Amino acid sequence: MASETVRLRVEGMGCDGCVAAVAEALRKVHGVRAVAVELAAGAAKVVLGQPVDPAHLVAAVEHAGYDAALA
């Protein structure tokens, strides 16, 4: 099965701890294969191993305390 990549804009990150919190929140979503979060770009790239509703990814980041939207 081919993997899908979803890109998110993430606002509110100010340090490496924020990056780690966003990455951890995204990794907890069932179906996520890999996560890369970039502080300077205010972005996250999420590689999915199975179909995931992008709204679940946004909700996970928001639950961690940051603003997120599909990029």
N, C-alpha and C. Protein backbone atom coordinates (compact mmCIF):
# COMPACT_ATOMS: atom_id res chain seq x y z
N MET A 1 0.84 -1.18 0.00
CA MET A 1 0.00 0.00 0.00
C MET A 1 0.88 1.24 0.00
N ALA A 2 0.58 2.18 -0.87
CA ALA A 2 1.35 3.42 -0.94
C ALA A 2 0.99 4.30 0.25
N SER A 3 1.99 4.98 0.78
CA SER A 3 1.73 5.86 1.91
C SER A 3 1.31 7.23 1.40
N GLU A 4 0.55 7.92 2.20
CA GLU A 4 0.08 9.26 1.89
C GLU A 4 0.78 10.23 2.83
N THR A 5 1.07 11.43 2.35
CA THR A 5 1.68 12.45 3.18
C THR A 5 0.72 13.61 3.35
N VAL A 6 0.55 14.05 4.59
CA VAL A 6 -0.31 15.19 4.91
C VAL A 6 0.58 16.27 5.51
N ARG A 7 0.40 17.49 5.05
CA ARG A 7 1.17 18.61 5.58
C ARG A 7 0.24 19.52 6.38
N LEU A 8 0.74 19.94 7.53
CA LEU A 8 -0.02 20.83 8.41
C LEU A 8 0.77 22.11 8.68
N ARG A 9 0.04 23.21 8.81
CA ARG A 9 0.63 24.44 9.35
C ARG A 9 0.38 24.38 10.85
N VAL A 10 1.41 24.68 11.62
CA VAL A 10 1.28 24.63 13.08
C VAL A 10 1.73 25.98 13.63
N GLU A 11 0.87 26.63 14.41
CA GLU A 11 1.19 27.91 15.01
C GLU A 11 1.27 27.77 16.52
N GLY A 12 2.17 28.56 17.10
CA GLY A 12 2.30 28.58 18.55
C GLY A 12 3.53 27.87 19.07
N MET A 13 4.30 27.25 18.18
CA MET A 13 5.53 26.58 18.62
C MET A 13 6.63 27.62 18.79
N GLY A 14 7.35 27.53 19.91
CA GLY A 14 8.42 28.49 20.15
C GLY A 14 9.75 27.88 20.52
N CYS A 15 9.78 26.55 20.69
CA CYS A 15 11.02 25.92 21.12
C CYS A 15 11.03 24.44 20.71
N ASP A 16 12.15 23.79 20.98
CA ASP A 16 12.26 22.37 20.64
C ASP A 16 11.28 21.51 21.44
N GLY A 17 10.95 21.96 22.64
CA GLY A 17 9.96 21.24 23.45
C GLY A 17 8.59 21.25 22.78
N CYS A 18 8.27 22.37 22.14
CA CYS A 18 7.00 22.47 21.40
C CYS A 18 7.01 21.50 20.23
N VAL A 19 8.12 21.45 19.52
CA VAL A 19 8.26 20.53 18.39
C VAL A 19 8.04 19.10 18.86
N ALA A 20 8.66 18.75 19.98
CA ALA A 20 8.52 17.39 20.52
C ALA A 20 7.08 17.09 20.91
N ALA A 21 6.39 18.08 21.50
CA ALA A 21 5.00 17.87 21.92
C ALA A 21 4.09 17.66 20.72
N VAL A 22 4.30 18.45 19.66
CA VAL A 22 3.48 18.30 18.46
C VAL A 22 3.76 16.94 17.80
N ALA A 23 5.03 16.58 17.70
CA ALA A 23 5.39 15.30 17.09
C ALA A 23 4.79 14.14 17.87
N GLU A 24 4.87 14.20 19.18
CA GLU A 24 4.33 13.12 20.01
C GLU A 24 2.82 13.01 19.84
N ALA A 25 2.13 14.16 19.80
CA ALA A 25 0.67 14.15 19.63
C ALA A 25 0.29 13.52 18.30
N LEU A 26 1.03 13.84 17.25
CA LEU A 26 0.72 13.28 15.93
C LEU A 26 1.03 11.80 15.86
N ARG A 27 2.11 11.38 16.50
CA ARG A 27 2.47 9.95 16.48
C ARG A 27 1.43 9.08 17.18
N LYS A 28 0.67 9.65 18.08
CA LYS A 28 -0.34 8.89 18.82
C LYS A 28 -1.60 8.62 17.99
N VAL A 29 -1.74 9.30 16.86
CA VAL A 29 -2.92 9.09 16.01
C VAL A 29 -2.74 7.76 15.27
N HIS A 30 -3.74 6.90 15.41
CA HIS A 30 -3.68 5.58 14.77
C HIS A 30 -3.57 5.73 13.26
N GLY A 31 -2.59 5.07 12.68
CA GLY A 31 -2.39 5.11 11.24
C GLY A 31 -1.20 5.96 10.82
N VAL A 32 -0.64 6.73 11.77
CA VAL A 32 0.52 7.56 11.45
C VAL A 32 1.76 6.70 11.44
N ARG A 33 2.53 6.80 10.35
CA ARG A 33 3.76 6.02 10.20
C ARG A 33 4.99 6.83 10.62
N ALA A 34 5.04 8.12 10.25
CA ALA A 34 6.21 8.95 10.56
C ALA A 34 5.78 10.41 10.64
N VAL A 35 6.55 11.18 11.43
CA VAL A 35 6.25 12.60 11.63
C VAL A 35 7.55 13.39 11.57
N ALA A 36 7.50 14.54 10.89
CA ALA A 36 8.62 15.48 10.89
C ALA A 36 8.04 16.86 11.15
N VAL A 37 8.49 17.52 12.21
CA VAL A 37 7.99 18.84 12.58
C VAL A 37 9.14 19.84 12.45
N GLU A 38 8.87 20.96 11.79
CA GLU A 38 9.88 21.99 11.59
C GLU A 38 9.47 23.26 12.32
N LEU A 39 10.27 23.64 13.31
CA LEU A 39 9.98 24.82 14.11
C LEU A 39 10.00 26.09 13.26
N ALA A 40 11.07 26.30 12.51
CA ALA A 40 11.23 27.54 11.74
C ALA A 40 10.13 27.71 10.70
N ALA A 41 9.71 26.62 10.10
CA ALA A 41 8.67 26.67 9.07
C ALA A 41 7.27 26.68 9.65
N GLY A 42 7.15 26.31 10.93
CA GLY A 42 5.82 26.21 11.54
C GLY A 42 4.98 25.17 10.82
N ALA A 43 5.61 24.02 10.57
CA ALA A 43 4.94 23.01 9.76
C ALA A 43 5.22 21.61 10.28
N ALA A 44 4.33 20.71 9.89
CA ALA A 44 4.51 19.29 10.20
C ALA A 44 4.20 18.49 8.96
N LYS A 45 4.99 17.46 8.72
CA LYS A 45 4.75 16.52 7.62
C LYS A 45 4.44 15.18 8.27
N VAL A 46 3.31 14.61 7.92
CA VAL A 46 2.85 13.37 8.52
C VAL A 46 2.71 12.32 7.43
N VAL A 47 3.41 11.21 7.57
CA VAL A 47 3.31 10.11 6.63
C VAL A 47 2.37 9.07 7.23
N LEU A 48 1.34 8.73 6.46
CA LEU A 48 0.32 7.80 6.94
C LEU A 48 0.57 6.40 6.39
N GLY A 49 0.35 5.42 7.22
CA GLY A 49 0.45 4.03 6.80
C GLY A 49 -0.89 3.46 6.40
N GLN A 50 -1.96 4.17 6.72
CA GLN A 50 -3.32 3.79 6.36
C GLN A 50 -4.14 5.06 6.35
N PRO A 51 -5.32 5.04 5.74
CA PRO A 51 -6.13 6.26 5.66
C PRO A 51 -6.46 6.82 7.05
N VAL A 52 -6.28 8.12 7.18
CA VAL A 52 -6.59 8.84 8.42
C VAL A 52 -7.31 10.13 8.01
N ASP A 53 -8.39 10.43 8.69
CA ASP A 53 -9.08 11.69 8.45
C ASP A 53 -8.16 12.83 8.89
N PRO A 54 -7.81 13.75 8.00
CA PRO A 54 -6.91 14.85 8.39
C PRO A 54 -7.42 15.65 9.59
N ALA A 55 -8.73 15.67 9.79
CA ALA A 55 -9.28 16.38 10.94
C ALA A 55 -8.78 15.78 12.25
N HIS A 56 -8.48 14.47 12.26
CA HIS A 56 -7.95 13.85 13.47
C HIS A 56 -6.52 14.35 13.75
N LEU A 57 -5.77 14.60 12.71
CA LEU A 57 -4.41 15.13 12.88
C LEU A 57 -4.47 16.55 13.44
N VAL A 58 -5.34 17.37 12.86
CA VAL A 58 -5.50 18.74 13.35
C VAL A 58 -5.95 18.73 14.81
N ALA A 59 -6.91 17.89 15.13
CA ALA A 59 -7.42 17.80 16.50
C ALA A 59 -6.33 17.38 17.47
N ALA A 60 -5.46 16.46 17.07
CA ALA A 60 -4.38 16.00 17.95
C ALA A 60 -3.44 17.15 18.28
N VAL A 61 -3.10 17.95 17.27
CA VAL A 61 -2.20 19.09 17.51
C VAL A 61 -2.90 20.13 18.40
N GLU A 62 -4.15 20.38 18.13
CA GLU A 62 -4.90 21.35 18.94
C GLU A 62 -5.04 20.87 20.37
N HIS A 63 -5.24 19.57 20.56
CA HIS A 63 -5.34 19.01 21.91
C HIS A 63 -4.01 19.20 22.68
N ALA A 64 -2.90 19.23 21.94
CA ALA A 64 -1.58 19.44 22.55
C ALA A 64 -1.35 20.92 22.87
N GLY A 65 -2.27 21.79 22.43
CA GLY A 65 -2.16 23.20 22.79
C GLY A 65 -1.67 24.14 21.70
N TYR A 66 -1.70 23.69 20.45
CA TYR A 66 -1.21 24.49 19.34
C TYR A 66 -2.30 24.61 18.29
N ASP A 67 -2.21 25.66 17.46
CA ASP A 67 -3.17 25.83 16.38
C ASP A 67 -2.65 25.08 15.15
N ALA A 68 -3.54 24.41 14.44
CA ALA A 68 -3.13 23.65 13.27
C ALA A 68 -4.19 23.74 12.18
N ALA A 69 -3.73 23.61 10.94
CA ALA A 69 -4.61 23.58 9.79
C ALA A 69 -3.90 22.83 8.67
N LEU A 70 -4.67 22.29 7.75
CA LEU A 70 -4.05 21.65 6.60
C LEU A 70 -3.29 22.70 5.80
N ALA A 71 -2.12 22.32 5.32
CA ALA A 71 -1.30 23.26 4.54
C ALA A 71 -1.60 23.12 3.08
